[in-house]
Amino acid sequence: MNIYKEIEAEINAASNIVITAHKSADGDSIGSSLGLLYFIEKLGKKAVVCHPDKAPDFLHWLDTSAVLLMEENEEEVIEQMQKADLIFCLDYNATNRVGPEMQVLLEEATCKKIMIDHHLNPEEFSTITLSETSASSTSQLIVDLIEKSGNLELLDEKIGIPLYVGILTDTGSFRFNSVKPRTHEVLAKILAAGVQHHLIHEKLSDNNTESRLRLQGFAMSEKLEILYEQNVGIISLSKGELAKYNYKKGDTDSLANIVLSIKGIKAAIVFTERDGIIKISFRSKGSENPVNVLAKEHFNGGGHANASGGMSDLTIKETLEKLKGLIPQYFQK
C-alpha cells in the first residue's frame, strides 16, 4: 500500500478527524485545511478544522467560518482534540508551530497523527509523515493525496479553490523557485476541475482597504532603509505606526515582496511590533541568497530558503541594530 492509500485508509477508519495547521495562518495553511476538509467530506466522512488563530482578512472570502479557533473557541477546540482518533498536521514540521496552547493538546493526544508538509527538517511526532520539501506548498501535496490515492474524480471546484489559493500564495504568485513542472501539472488538474483562476486572483488582489494601502505607502516612503553594500531592504513598523493606519492582520504581508521588486534588491526584511514581540518576515531572490539560516540562527525562526519568518524580544531599535550587524555575514554585494 502506498502512503496515499494508507492515508485514505486512515480517513475511512476514523470517527473523529481533526485538521490542524500552524499559528499565524496564511494562504497555504487555510487552503490545505479547507481542501482536505472538503475531500474528506467527499469520501463520506466528517472532520473539523481547528486552528490556533484567525486567518488574515484577505482570505475571509473563503469559508473560514468552518474553522474553529483556539483563540475564540478554546473549550470546543479542546473537546475536539481530546476526542479525536485521527489528527492531521498540515503545513508545519514541529509541534511548537501550533502555539503553546494547542501544542499541549497535540502532544497529549494519543491518537494517530498524519503530517503533510513541505518544510525542511520535520520532527518525528507523527504516525504517518508525508514530507516533500521540493513541493511548492502543502496544498500541492493535498492534490497529490487526492490523485495518488485514486480519487482524482472527486476533485471539484469546491475542493480546488482553496487548494489553488494555497499554491498561489505560497509561491508568491508562482514566482518562487519552489515552482516546478509538477506544480503546473497540479494546477492544470485544479483548473480542469472547474476552478476559475482569474476570479481567485481578483478576490485576492482587488480587496485592498484604504488604510492598508496608506500603511504600505507610509512604509515604503518613510520607513524603507536600503543597505546598498549588500542590496538588502529593511522596513520596521512600530505598534504605534500600525495603529495609526488601523492595522489588520495581513496588511503588511506583501511589503517584503514590494521591496524585492526594487531593481537590484536581493533580500527584504520587514519588522512589525505585534503581540508584545517583533515579528519578522524574510524574503529573498535566488539560491545564493537564502534567508532561512539567518532566521533560524539568530531570530528563533526558519522556513524556506527564500521565504522565512522569525521573531525578536528586543526593541525595534535593538533588533534593527542586531540585524544590520549580521547582514554583511549573510549577504555579499
C-alpha atoms as a PDB file:
ATOM      1  CA  MET A   1       0.000   0.000   0.000  1.00  0.00           C
ATOM      2  CA  ASN A   2       1.434   3.413  -0.936  1.00  0.00           C
ATOM      3  CA  ILE A   3       1.414   6.239   1.597  1.00  0.00           C
ATOM      4  CA  TYR A   4      -1.505   7.974  -0.148  1.00  0.00           C
ATOM      5  CA  LYS A   5      -3.719   4.863   0.034  1.00  0.00           C
ATOM      6  CA  GLU A   6      -2.579   4.426   3.627  1.00  0.00           C
ATOM      7  CA  ILE A   7      -3.763   7.939   4.483  1.00  0.00           C
ATOM      8  CA  GLU A   8      -7.083   7.293   2.723  1.00  0.00           C
ATOM      9  CA  ALA A   9      -7.499   4.093   4.759  1.00  0.00           C
ATOM     10  CA  GLU A  10      -6.897   6.001   7.996  1.00  0.00           C
ATOM     11  CA  ILE A  11      -9.527   8.568   6.985  1.00  0.00           C
ATOM     12  CA  ASN A  12     -12.060   5.845   6.274  1.00  0.00           C
ATOM     13  CA  ALA A  13     -11.297   4.089   9.573  1.00  0.00           C
ATOM     14  CA  ALA A  14     -11.559   7.188  11.750  1.00  0.00           C
ATOM     15  CA  SER A  15     -14.666   8.517  13.501  1.00  0.00           C
ATOM     16  CA  ASN A  16     -13.410  11.865  14.831  1.00  0.00           C
ATOM     17  CA  ILE A  17     -10.987  13.597  12.460  1.00  0.00           C
ATOM     18  CA  VAL A  18      -9.352  16.919  13.344  1.00  0.00           C
ATOM     19  CA  ILE A  19      -7.363  19.028  10.876  1.00  0.00           C
ATOM     20  CA  THR A  20      -4.762  21.346  12.402  1.00  0.00           C
ATOM     21  CA  ALA A  21      -2.321  23.879  10.920  1.00  0.00           C
ATOM     22  CA  HIS A  22       0.300  26.314  12.174  1.00  0.00           C
ATOM     23  CA  LYS A  23      -0.130  29.527  14.139  1.00  0.00           C
ATOM     24  CA  SER A  24      -0.220  32.778  12.128  1.00  0.00           C
ATOM     25  CA  ALA A  25      -2.488  31.388   9.451  1.00  0.00           C
ATOM     26  CA  ASP A  26      -1.644  32.019   5.803  1.00  0.00           C
ATOM     27  CA  GLY A  27      -2.996  31.087   2.394  1.00  0.00           C
ATOM     28  CA  ASP A  28      -1.434  27.631   2.375  1.00  0.00           C
ATOM     29  CA  SER A  29      -2.460  26.647   5.897  1.00  0.00           C
ATOM     30  CA  ILE A  30      -6.041  27.765   5.250  1.00  0.00           C
ATOM     31  CA  GLY A  31      -6.134  26.431   1.685  1.00  0.00           C
ATOM     32  CA  SER A  32      -4.749  22.994   2.508  1.00  0.00           C
ATOM     33  CA  SER A  33      -7.011  22.668   5.565  1.00  0.00           C
ATOM     34  CA  LEU A  34     -10.215  23.515   3.681  1.00  0.00           C
ATOM     35  CA  GLY A  35      -9.206  21.480   0.632  1.00  0.00           C
ATOM     36  CA  LEU A  36      -8.556  18.434   2.811  1.00  0.00           C
ATOM     37  CA  LEU A  37     -11.792  19.018   4.738  1.00  0.00           C
ATOM     38  CA  TYR A  38     -13.859  19.061   1.541  1.00  0.00           C
ATOM     39  CA  PHE A  39     -12.036  15.978   0.201  1.00  0.00           C
ATOM     40  CA  ILE A  40     -12.734  14.071   3.421  1.00  0.00           C
ATOM     41  CA  GLU A  41     -16.389  15.053   3.119  1.00  0.00           C
ATOM     42  CA  LYS A  42     -16.463  13.761  -0.477  1.00  0.00           C
ATOM     43  CA  LEU A  43     -15.183  10.446   0.890  1.00  0.00           C
ATOM     44  CA  GLY A  44     -18.327  10.361   3.033  1.00  0.00           C
ATOM     45  CA  LYS A  45     -16.589  11.183   6.313  1.00  0.00           C
ATOM     46  CA  LYS A  46     -16.744  14.164   8.666  1.00  0.00           C
ATOM     47  CA  ALA A  47     -13.914  16.283  10.005  1.00  0.00           C
ATOM     48  CA  VAL A  48     -13.405  19.528  11.900  1.00  0.00           C
ATOM     49  CA  VAL A  49     -10.704  22.131  11.297  1.00  0.00           C
ATOM     50  CA  CYS A  50      -9.044  23.523  14.447  1.00  0.00           C
ATOM     51  CA  HIS A  51      -6.537  26.362  14.022  1.00  0.00           C
ATOM     52  CA  PRO A  52      -4.685  28.419  16.628  1.00  0.00           C
ATOM     53  CA  ASP A  53      -5.751  31.802  15.285  1.00  0.00           C
ATOM     54  CA  LYS A  54      -7.758  33.692  12.698  1.00  0.00           C
ATOM     55  CA  ALA A  55      -6.911  33.916   9.018  1.00  0.00           C
ATOM     56  CA  PRO A  56      -5.904  37.293   7.569  1.00  0.00           C
ATOM     57  CA  ASP A  57      -8.812  39.406   6.335  1.00  0.00           C
ATOM     58  CA  PHE A  58      -7.873  38.977   2.675  1.00  0.00           C
ATOM     59  CA  LEU A  59      -8.703  35.250   2.963  1.00  0.00           C
ATOM     60  CA  HIS A  60     -12.114  35.663   4.567  1.00  0.00           C
ATOM     61  CA  TRP A  61     -13.911  35.252   1.234  1.00  0.00           C
ATOM     62  CA  LEU A  62     -13.069  31.578   1.669  1.00  0.00           C
ATOM     63  CA  ASP A  63     -15.388  29.795   4.101  1.00  0.00           C
ATOM     64  CA  THR A  64     -13.220  30.381   7.140  1.00  0.00           C
ATOM     65  CA  SER A  65     -16.345  30.094   9.309  1.00  0.00           C
ATOM     66  CA  ALA A  66     -15.755  26.348   9.061  1.00  0.00           C
ATOM     67  CA  VAL A  67     -12.568  26.778  11.132  1.00  0.00           C
ATOM     68  CA  LEU A  68     -12.672  26.529  14.940  1.00  0.00           C
ATOM     69  CA  LEU A  69     -10.160  28.908  16.519  1.00  0.00           C
ATOM     70  CA  MET A  70      -8.269  28.222  19.719  1.00  0.00           C
ATOM     71  CA  GLU A  71      -8.219  31.963  20.431  1.00  0.00           C
ATOM     72  CA  GLU A  72     -12.030  32.198  20.202  1.00  0.00           C
ATOM     73  CA  ASN A  73     -13.446  28.698  20.793  1.00  0.00           C
ATOM     74  CA  GLU A  74     -10.970  27.243  23.279  1.00  0.00           C
ATOM     75  CA  GLU A  75     -13.360  24.840  25.022  1.00  0.00           C
ATOM     76  CA  GLU A  76     -14.667  23.429  21.755  1.00  0.00           C
ATOM     77  CA  VAL A  77     -11.166  23.023  20.307  1.00  0.00           C
ATOM     78  CA  ILE A  78     -10.055  21.216  23.487  1.00  0.00           C
ATOM     79  CA  GLU A  79     -13.065  18.907  23.234  1.00  0.00           C
ATOM     80  CA  GLN A  80     -12.410  18.134  19.560  1.00  0.00           C
ATOM     81  CA  MET A  81      -8.703  17.482  20.105  1.00  0.00           C
ATOM     82  CA  GLN A  82      -9.319  15.234  23.103  1.00  0.00           C
ATOM     83  CA  LYS A  83     -11.897  13.040  21.371  1.00  0.00           C
ATOM     84  CA  ALA A  84     -10.037  12.867  18.046  1.00  0.00           C
ATOM     85  CA  ASP A  85      -8.968   9.456  16.775  1.00  0.00           C
ATOM     86  CA  LEU A  86      -7.057  10.977  13.846  1.00  0.00           C
ATOM     87  CA  ILE A  87      -5.301  14.347  13.698  1.00  0.00           C
ATOM     88  CA  PHE A  88      -3.919  15.882  10.508  1.00  0.00           C
ATOM     89  CA  CYS A  89      -0.928  18.189  10.969  1.00  0.00           C
ATOM     90  CA  LEU A  90      -0.809  20.413   7.908  1.00  0.00           C
ATOM     91  CA  ASP A  91       1.889  22.860   6.827  1.00  0.00           C
ATOM     92  CA  TYR A  92       4.078  22.506   9.911  1.00  0.00           C
ATOM     93  CA  ASN A  93       7.014  20.280  10.803  1.00  0.00           C
ATOM     94  CA  ALA A  94       7.195  20.702  14.602  1.00  0.00           C
ATOM     95  CA  THR A  95       4.559  20.700  17.345  1.00  0.00           C
ATOM     96  CA  ASN A  96       5.569  24.139  18.647  1.00  0.00           C
ATOM     97  CA  ARG A  97       4.382  25.679  15.368  1.00  0.00           C
ATOM     98  CA  VAL A  98       0.756  25.452  16.527  1.00  0.00           C
ATOM     99  CA  GLY A  99       1.345  27.749  19.506  1.00  0.00           C
ATOM    100  CA  PRO A 100       1.772  26.758  23.173  1.00  0.00           C
ATOM    101  CA  GLU A 101      -1.921  26.168  23.934  1.00  0.00           C
ATOM    102  CA  MET A 102      -2.554  23.794  21.031  1.00  0.00           C
ATOM    103  CA  GLN A 103       0.893  22.237  21.338  1.00  0.00           C
ATOM    104  CA  VAL A 104      -0.068  20.783  24.719  1.00  0.00           C
ATOM    105  CA  LEU A 105      -3.241  19.278  23.244  1.00  0.00           C
ATOM    106  CA  LEU A 106      -1.385  17.905  20.230  1.00  0.00           C
ATOM    107  CA  GLU A 107       1.359  16.289  22.273  1.00  0.00           C
ATOM    108  CA  GLU A 108      -1.091  14.841  24.797  1.00  0.00           C
ATOM    109  CA  ALA A 109      -3.232  13.273  22.065  1.00  0.00           C
ATOM    110  CA  THR A 110      -2.570   9.523  21.844  1.00  0.00           C
ATOM    111  CA  CYS A 111      -4.388   9.027  18.539  1.00  0.00           C
ATOM    112  CA  LYS A 112      -2.757   8.610  15.151  1.00  0.00           C
ATOM    113  CA  LYS A 113      -1.321  11.767  13.605  1.00  0.00           C
ATOM    114  CA  ILE A 114      -0.636  12.413   9.927  1.00  0.00           C
ATOM    115  CA  MET A 115       1.814  15.143   8.955  1.00  0.00           C
ATOM    116  CA  ILE A 116       1.508  16.599   5.446  1.00  0.00           C
ATOM    117  CA  ASP A 117       4.118  19.304   4.993  1.00  0.00           C
ATOM    118  CA  HIS A 118       6.828  20.738   2.743  1.00  0.00           C
ATOM    119  CA  HIS A 119       9.191  22.407   5.233  1.00  0.00           C
ATOM    120  CA  LEU A 120      12.740  21.265   5.929  1.00  0.00           C
ATOM    121  CA  ASN A 121      13.756  19.038   8.842  1.00  0.00           C
ATOM    122  CA  PRO A 122      10.449  17.568  10.048  1.00  0.00           C
ATOM    123  CA  GLU A 123      10.333  16.389  13.649  1.00  0.00           C
ATOM    124  CA  GLU A 124       9.342  12.809  14.392  1.00  0.00           C
ATOM    125  CA  PHE A 125       5.989  13.208  16.128  1.00  0.00           C
ATOM    126  CA  SER A 126       3.521  11.816  13.576  1.00  0.00           C
ATOM    127  CA  THR A 127       2.352   8.280  12.867  1.00  0.00           C
ATOM    128  CA  ILE A 128       2.440   8.860   9.113  1.00  0.00           C
ATOM    129  CA  THR A 129       4.675  11.529   7.613  1.00  0.00           C
ATOM    130  CA  LEU A 130       4.160  12.861   4.094  1.00  0.00           C
ATOM    131  CA  SER A 131       7.007  15.346   3.907  1.00  0.00           C
ATOM    132  CA  GLU A 132       8.059  16.589   0.491  1.00  0.00           C
ATOM    133  CA  THR A 133      10.402  19.547   0.769  1.00  0.00           C
ATOM    134  CA  SER A 134      10.570  20.029  -3.001  1.00  0.00           C
ATOM    135  CA  ALA A 135       6.823  20.661  -3.195  1.00  0.00           C
ATOM    136  CA  SER A 136       5.687  24.255  -3.682  1.00  0.00           C
ATOM    137  CA  SER A 137       3.138  24.072  -0.889  1.00  0.00           C
ATOM    138  CA  THR A 138       1.167  21.793   1.381  1.00  0.00           C
ATOM    139  CA  SER A 139      -1.857  22.483  -0.825  1.00  0.00           C
ATOM    140  CA  GLN A 140       0.011  20.871  -3.716  1.00  0.00           C
ATOM    141  CA  LEU A 141       0.550  17.805  -1.535  1.00  0.00           C
ATOM    142  CA  ILE A 142      -3.191  17.604  -0.831  1.00  0.00           C
ATOM    143  CA  VAL A 143      -3.784  17.396  -4.584  1.00  0.00           C
ATOM    144  CA  ASP A 144      -1.143  14.643  -4.694  1.00  0.00           C
ATOM    145  CA  LEU A 145      -3.063  12.838  -1.941  1.00  0.00           C
ATOM    146  CA  ILE A 146      -6.332  13.094  -3.856  1.00  0.00           C
ATOM    147  CA  GLU A 147      -4.792  11.918  -7.124  1.00  0.00           C
ATOM    148  CA  LYS A 148      -2.403   9.242  -5.900  1.00  0.00           C
ATOM    149  CA  SER A 149      -4.973   7.652  -3.604  1.00  0.00           C
ATOM    150  CA  GLY A 150      -7.045   7.070  -6.742  1.00  0.00           C
ATOM    151  CA  ASN A 151      -9.666   9.733  -6.077  1.00  0.00           C
ATOM    152  CA  LEU A 152      -8.947  12.351  -8.724  1.00  0.00           C
ATOM    153  CA  GLU A 153     -12.552  12.165  -9.914  1.00  0.00           C
ATOM    154  CA  LEU A 154     -13.574  13.664  -6.544  1.00  0.00           C
ATOM    155  CA  LEU A 155     -11.567  16.843  -7.174  1.00  0.00           C
ATOM    156  CA  ASP A 156     -14.131  19.532  -7.897  1.00  0.00           C
ATOM    157  CA  GLU A 157     -14.388  23.316  -7.778  1.00  0.00           C
ATOM    158  CA  LYS A 158     -15.161  23.429  -4.047  1.00  0.00           C
ATOM    159  CA  ILE A 159     -12.047  21.418  -3.195  1.00  0.00           C
ATOM    160  CA  GLY A 160      -9.934  23.093  -5.858  1.00  0.00           C
ATOM    161  CA  ILE A 161     -10.499  26.755  -4.954  1.00  0.00           C
ATOM    162  CA  PRO A 162      -8.769  26.730  -1.536  1.00  0.00           C
ATOM    163  CA  LEU A 163      -6.000  24.487  -2.880  1.00  0.00           C
ATOM    164  CA  TYR A 164      -5.348  26.920  -5.738  1.00  0.00           C
ATOM    165  CA  VAL A 165      -5.224  29.749  -3.187  1.00  0.00           C
ATOM    166  CA  GLY A 166      -2.691  27.811  -1.120  1.00  0.00           C
ATOM    167  CA  ILE A 167      -0.398  27.166  -4.079  1.00  0.00           C
ATOM    168  CA  LEU A 168      -0.768  30.714  -5.405  1.00  0.00           C
ATOM    169  CA  THR A 169       0.071  32.427  -2.128  1.00  0.00           C
ATOM    170  CA  ASP A 170       2.894  30.106  -1.058  1.00  0.00           C
ATOM    171  CA  THR A 171       4.679  30.536  -4.384  1.00  0.00           C
ATOM    172  CA  GLY A 172       4.395  34.332  -4.455  1.00  0.00           C
ATOM    173  CA  SER A 173       2.035  34.082  -7.434  1.00  0.00           C
ATOM    174  CA  PHE A 174       4.284  31.388  -8.976  1.00  0.00           C
ATOM    175  CA  ARG A 175       7.480  33.460  -8.780  1.00  0.00           C
ATOM    176  CA  PHE A 176       9.485  31.424  -6.241  1.00  0.00           C
ATOM    177  CA  ASN A 177      11.904  28.719  -7.349  1.00  0.00           C
ATOM    178  CA  SER A 178       9.779  26.186  -5.472  1.00  0.00           C
ATOM    179  CA  VAL A 179       7.584  26.135  -8.592  1.00  0.00           C
ATOM    180  CA  LYS A 180       8.423  23.017 -10.577  1.00  0.00           C
ATOM    181  CA  PRO A 181       6.811  21.239 -13.541  1.00  0.00           C
ATOM    182  CA  ARG A 182       4.778  19.194 -11.060  1.00  0.00           C
ATOM    183  CA  THR A 183       3.312  22.413  -9.650  1.00  0.00           C
ATOM    184  CA  HIS A 184       1.869  23.329 -13.033  1.00  0.00           C
ATOM    185  CA  GLU A 185       0.629  19.770 -13.571  1.00  0.00           C
ATOM    186  CA  VAL A 186      -1.284  20.064 -10.297  1.00  0.00           C
ATOM    187  CA  LEU A 187      -2.630  23.489 -11.268  1.00  0.00           C
ATOM    188  CA  ALA A 188      -3.862  22.041 -14.568  1.00  0.00           C
ATOM    189  CA  LYS A 189      -5.812  19.367 -12.690  1.00  0.00           C
ATOM    190  CA  ILE A 190      -7.358  22.034 -10.445  1.00  0.00           C
ATOM    191  CA  LEU A 191      -8.398  24.136 -13.455  1.00  0.00           C
ATOM    192  CA  ALA A 192      -9.782  21.052 -15.182  1.00  0.00           C
ATOM    193  CA  ALA A 193     -11.976  20.530 -12.096  1.00  0.00           C
ATOM    194  CA  GLY A 194     -13.750  23.825 -12.833  1.00  0.00           C
ATOM    195  CA  VAL A 195     -11.779  26.373 -10.827  1.00  0.00           C
ATOM    196  CA  GLN A 196     -11.832  29.840 -12.443  1.00  0.00           C
ATOM    197  CA  HIS A 197      -8.382  31.112 -11.597  1.00  0.00           C
ATOM    198  CA  HIS A 198      -8.966  34.694 -12.736  1.00  0.00           C
ATOM    199  CA  LEU A 199     -11.735  35.115 -10.173  1.00  0.00           C
ATOM    200  CA  ILE A 200      -9.416  33.929  -7.405  1.00  0.00           C
ATOM    201  CA  HIS A 201      -6.754  36.430  -8.432  1.00  0.00           C
ATOM    202  CA  GLU A 202      -9.370  39.190  -8.367  1.00  0.00           C
ATOM    203  CA  LYS A 203     -10.552  38.241  -4.886  1.00  0.00           C
ATOM    204  CA  LEU A 204      -7.013  38.111  -3.538  1.00  0.00           C
ATOM    205  CA  SER A 205      -5.664  41.199  -5.287  1.00  0.00           C
ATOM    206  CA  ASP A 206      -8.619  43.563  -5.564  1.00  0.00           C
ATOM    207  CA  ASN A 207      -9.721  43.731  -1.948  1.00  0.00           C
ATOM    208  CA  ASN A 208      -7.377  46.360  -0.502  1.00  0.00           C
ATOM    209  CA  THR A 209      -8.731  48.710   2.139  1.00  0.00           C
ATOM    210  CA  GLU A 210      -7.777  52.369   2.066  1.00  0.00           C
ATOM    211  CA  SER A 211      -5.970  52.017   5.397  1.00  0.00           C
ATOM    212  CA  ARG A 212      -3.919  49.061   4.121  1.00  0.00           C
ATOM    213  CA  LEU A 213      -2.732  50.988   1.073  1.00  0.00           C
ATOM    214  CA  ARG A 214      -1.949  54.058   3.175  1.00  0.00           C
ATOM    215  CA  LEU A 215       0.065  51.888   5.589  1.00  0.00           C
ATOM    216  CA  GLN A 216       2.008  50.376   2.716  1.00  0.00           C
ATOM    217  CA  GLY A 217       2.602  53.810   1.221  1.00  0.00           C
ATOM    218  CA  PHE A 218       3.891  55.105   4.566  1.00  0.00           C
ATOM    219  CA  ALA A 219       6.128  52.059   4.971  1.00  0.00           C
ATOM    220  CA  MET A 220       7.682  52.477   1.532  1.00  0.00           C
ATOM    221  CA  SER A 221       8.104  56.258   1.640  1.00  0.00           C
ATOM    222  CA  GLU A 222       9.081  56.790   5.270  1.00  0.00           C
ATOM    223  CA  LYS A 223      10.330  53.512   6.723  1.00  0.00           C
ATOM    224  CA  LEU A 224      12.250  51.769   3.954  1.00  0.00           C
ATOM    225  CA  GLU A 225      16.007  51.620   4.508  1.00  0.00           C
ATOM    226  CA  ILE A 226      18.283  50.118   1.868  1.00  0.00           C
ATOM    227  CA  LEU A 227      21.720  48.744   2.697  1.00  0.00           C
ATOM    228  CA  TYR A 228      23.330  49.319  -0.689  1.00  0.00           C
ATOM    229  CA  GLU A 229      26.528  47.434   0.165  1.00  0.00           C
ATOM    230  CA  GLN A 230      24.509  44.212   0.417  1.00  0.00           C
ATOM    231  CA  ASN A 231      21.423  45.244  -1.616  1.00  0.00           C
ATOM    232  CA  VAL A 232      19.081  44.452   1.270  1.00  0.00           C
ATOM    233  CA  GLY A 233      15.928  46.440   2.027  1.00  0.00           C
ATOM    234  CA  ILE A 234      14.533  46.749   5.563  1.00  0.00           C
ATOM    235  CA  ILE A 235      11.217  48.112   6.839  1.00  0.00           C
ATOM    236  CA  SER A 236      10.366  48.403  10.540  1.00  0.00           C
ATOM    237  CA  LEU A 237       6.907  49.327  11.812  1.00  0.00           C
ATOM    238  CA  SER A 238       6.159  50.039  15.468  1.00  0.00           C
ATOM    239  CA  LYS A 239       2.959  49.219  17.303  1.00  0.00           C
ATOM    240  CA  GLY A 240       2.022  52.907  17.214  1.00  0.00           C
ATOM    241  CA  GLU A 241       2.618  53.212  13.478  1.00  0.00           C
ATOM    242  CA  LEU A 242       0.490  50.150  12.780  1.00  0.00           C
ATOM    243  CA  ALA A 243      -2.306  51.523  14.978  1.00  0.00           C
ATOM    244  CA  LYS A 244      -2.186  54.887  13.187  1.00  0.00           C
ATOM    245  CA  TYR A 245      -3.179  53.130   9.976  1.00  0.00           C
ATOM    246  CA  ASN A 246      -5.775  50.826  11.594  1.00  0.00           C
ATOM    247  CA  TYR A 247      -3.623  47.744  11.028  1.00  0.00           C
ATOM    248  CA  LYS A 248      -5.413  44.446  10.494  1.00  0.00           C
ATOM    249  CA  LYS A 249      -3.797  41.051  10.236  1.00  0.00           C
ATOM    250  CA  GLY A 250      -2.384  40.570   6.743  1.00  0.00           C
ATOM    251  CA  ASP A 251      -1.972  44.281   5.946  1.00  0.00           C
ATOM    252  CA  THR A 252       1.830  44.028   5.847  1.00  0.00           C
ATOM    253  CA  ASP A 253       2.078  40.599   4.188  1.00  0.00           C
ATOM    254  CA  SER A 254       3.019  41.954   0.765  1.00  0.00           C
ATOM    255  CA  LEU A 255       5.526  44.569   1.916  1.00  0.00           C
ATOM    256  CA  ALA A 256       8.587  42.338   1.626  1.00  0.00           C
ATOM    257  CA  ASN A 257       7.678  41.384  -1.925  1.00  0.00           C
ATOM    258  CA  ILE A 258       7.181  45.052  -2.825  1.00  0.00           C
ATOM    259  CA  VAL A 259      10.686  45.782  -1.539  1.00  0.00           C
ATOM    260  CA  LEU A 260      12.029  42.809  -3.510  1.00  0.00           C
ATOM    261  CA  SER A 261      10.559  44.331  -6.674  1.00  0.00           C
ATOM    262  CA  ILE A 262      13.105  47.175  -6.466  1.00  0.00           C
ATOM    263  CA  LYS A 263      15.787  46.669  -9.104  1.00  0.00           C
ATOM    264  CA  GLY A 264      18.927  45.173  -7.622  1.00  0.00           C
ATOM    265  CA  ILE A 265      17.464  44.233  -4.237  1.00  0.00           C
ATOM    266  CA  LYS A 266      18.399  40.684  -3.230  1.00  0.00           C
ATOM    267  CA  ALA A 267      16.622  40.415   0.120  1.00  0.00           C
ATOM    268  CA  ALA A 268      13.839  42.195   2.007  1.00  0.00           C
ATOM    269  CA  ILE A 269      13.207  42.099   5.748  1.00  0.00           C
ATOM    270  CA  VAL A 270      10.105  43.530   7.449  1.00  0.00           C
ATOM    271  CA  PHE A 271       9.676  44.019  11.219  1.00  0.00           C
ATOM    272  CA  THR A 272       6.282  44.568  12.801  1.00  0.00           C
ATOM    273  CA  GLU A 273       5.737  45.149  16.520  1.00  0.00           C
ATOM    274  CA  ARG A 274       2.779  42.957  17.475  1.00  0.00           C
ATOM    275  CA  ASP A 275       1.612  40.931  20.457  1.00  0.00           C
ATOM    276  CA  GLY A 276       4.492  42.184  22.579  1.00  0.00           C
ATOM    277  CA  ILE A 277       7.248  40.948  20.263  1.00  0.00           C
ATOM    278  CA  ILE A 278       8.882  41.891  16.975  1.00  0.00           C
ATOM    279  CA  LYS A 279       7.649  39.633  14.186  1.00  0.00           C
ATOM    280  CA  ILE A 280       9.996  39.377  11.221  1.00  0.00           C
ATOM    281  CA  SER A 281       9.373  38.427   7.601  1.00  0.00           C
ATOM    282  CA  PHE A 282      12.373  37.487   5.453  1.00  0.00           C
ATOM    283  CA  ARG A 283      12.221  37.267   1.638  1.00  0.00           C
ATOM    284  CA  SER A 284      14.998  36.882  -0.924  1.00  0.00           C
ATOM    285  CA  LYS A 285      15.803  36.002  -4.521  1.00  0.00           C
ATOM    286  CA  GLY A 286      17.913  33.176  -5.852  1.00  0.00           C
ATOM    287  CA  SER A 287      19.627  30.154  -4.338  1.00  0.00           C
ATOM    288  CA  GLU A 288      22.689  32.243  -3.461  1.00  0.00           C
ATOM    289  CA  ASN A 289      20.669  34.421  -1.047  1.00  0.00           C
ATOM    290  CA  PRO A 290      18.946  32.087   1.445  1.00  0.00           C
ATOM    291  CA  VAL A 291      17.275  33.737   4.440  1.00  0.00           C
ATOM    292  CA  ASN A 292      16.187  30.682   6.419  1.00  0.00           C
ATOM    293  CA  VAL A 293      19.624  30.217   8.011  1.00  0.00           C
ATOM    294  CA  LEU A 294      19.719  33.817   9.262  1.00  0.00           C
ATOM    295  CA  ALA A 295      16.172  33.445  10.617  1.00  0.00           C
ATOM    296  CA  LYS A 296      16.965  30.162  12.359  1.00  0.00           C
ATOM    297  CA  GLU A 297      20.363  31.050  13.804  1.00  0.00           C
ATOM    298  CA  HIS A 298      19.529  34.493  15.154  1.00  0.00           C
ATOM    299  CA  PHE A 299      15.767  35.091  15.257  1.00  0.00           C
ATOM    300  CA  ASN A 300      14.197  31.882  16.567  1.00  0.00           C
ATOM    301  CA  GLY A 301      12.638  31.151  13.198  1.00  0.00           C
ATOM    302  CA  GLY A 302      13.180  29.421   9.898  1.00  0.00           C
ATOM    303  CA  GLY A 303      11.260  28.298   6.838  1.00  0.00           C
ATOM    304  CA  HIS A 304      12.122  28.151   3.168  1.00  0.00           C
ATOM    305  CA  ALA A 305      15.364  29.337   1.604  1.00  0.00           C
ATOM    306  CA  ASN A 306      13.702  32.408   0.072  1.00  0.00           C
ATOM    307  CA  ALA A 307      10.765  32.900   2.441  1.00  0.00           C
ATOM    308  CA  SER A 308      11.128  32.605   6.197  1.00  0.00           C
ATOM    309  CA  GLY A 309       9.845  34.055   9.438  1.00  0.00           C
ATOM    310  CA  GLY A 310      11.314  34.886  12.814  1.00  0.00           C
ATOM    311  CA  MET A 311      10.865  36.933  15.948  1.00  0.00           C
ATOM    312  CA  SER A 312      12.747  39.077  18.431  1.00  0.00           C
ATOM    313  CA  ASP A 313      12.027  40.062  22.025  1.00  0.00           C
ATOM    314  CA  LEU A 314      14.325  43.084  21.732  1.00  0.00           C
ATOM    315  CA  THR A 315      13.038  46.542  20.884  1.00  0.00           C
ATOM    316  CA  ILE A 316      12.674  47.512  17.244  1.00  0.00           C
ATOM    317  CA  LYS A 317      15.773  49.699  17.502  1.00  0.00           C
ATOM    318  CA  GLU A 318      17.799  46.911  19.117  1.00  0.00           C
ATOM    319  CA  THR A 319      16.531  44.353  16.590  1.00  0.00           C
ATOM    320  CA  LEU A 320      17.441  46.652  13.717  1.00  0.00           C
ATOM    321  CA  GLU A 321      20.952  47.163  15.089  1.00  0.00           C
ATOM    322  CA  LYS A 322      21.381  43.415  15.577  1.00  0.00           C
ATOM    323  CA  LEU A 323      20.219  42.701  12.041  1.00  0.00           C
ATOM    324  CA  LYS A 324      22.476  45.313  10.484  1.00  0.00           C
ATOM    325  CA  GLY A 325      25.424  43.738  12.259  1.00  0.00           C
ATOM    326  CA  LEU A 326      24.553  40.319  10.862  1.00  0.00           C
ATOM    327  CA  ILE A 327      23.669  41.184   7.271  1.00  0.00           C
ATOM    328  CA  PRO A 328      27.280  41.513   5.993  1.00  0.00           C
ATOM    329  CA  GLN A 329      27.868  37.914   7.140  1.00  0.00           C
ATOM    330  CA  TYR A 330      24.953  36.571   5.110  1.00  0.00           C
ATOM    331  CA  PHE A 331      24.754  38.803   2.044  1.00  0.00           C
ATOM    332  CA  GLN A 332      27.582  39.913  -0.191  1.00  0.00           C
ATOM    333  CA  LYS A 333      27.363  42.663  -2.792  1.00  0.00           C
END
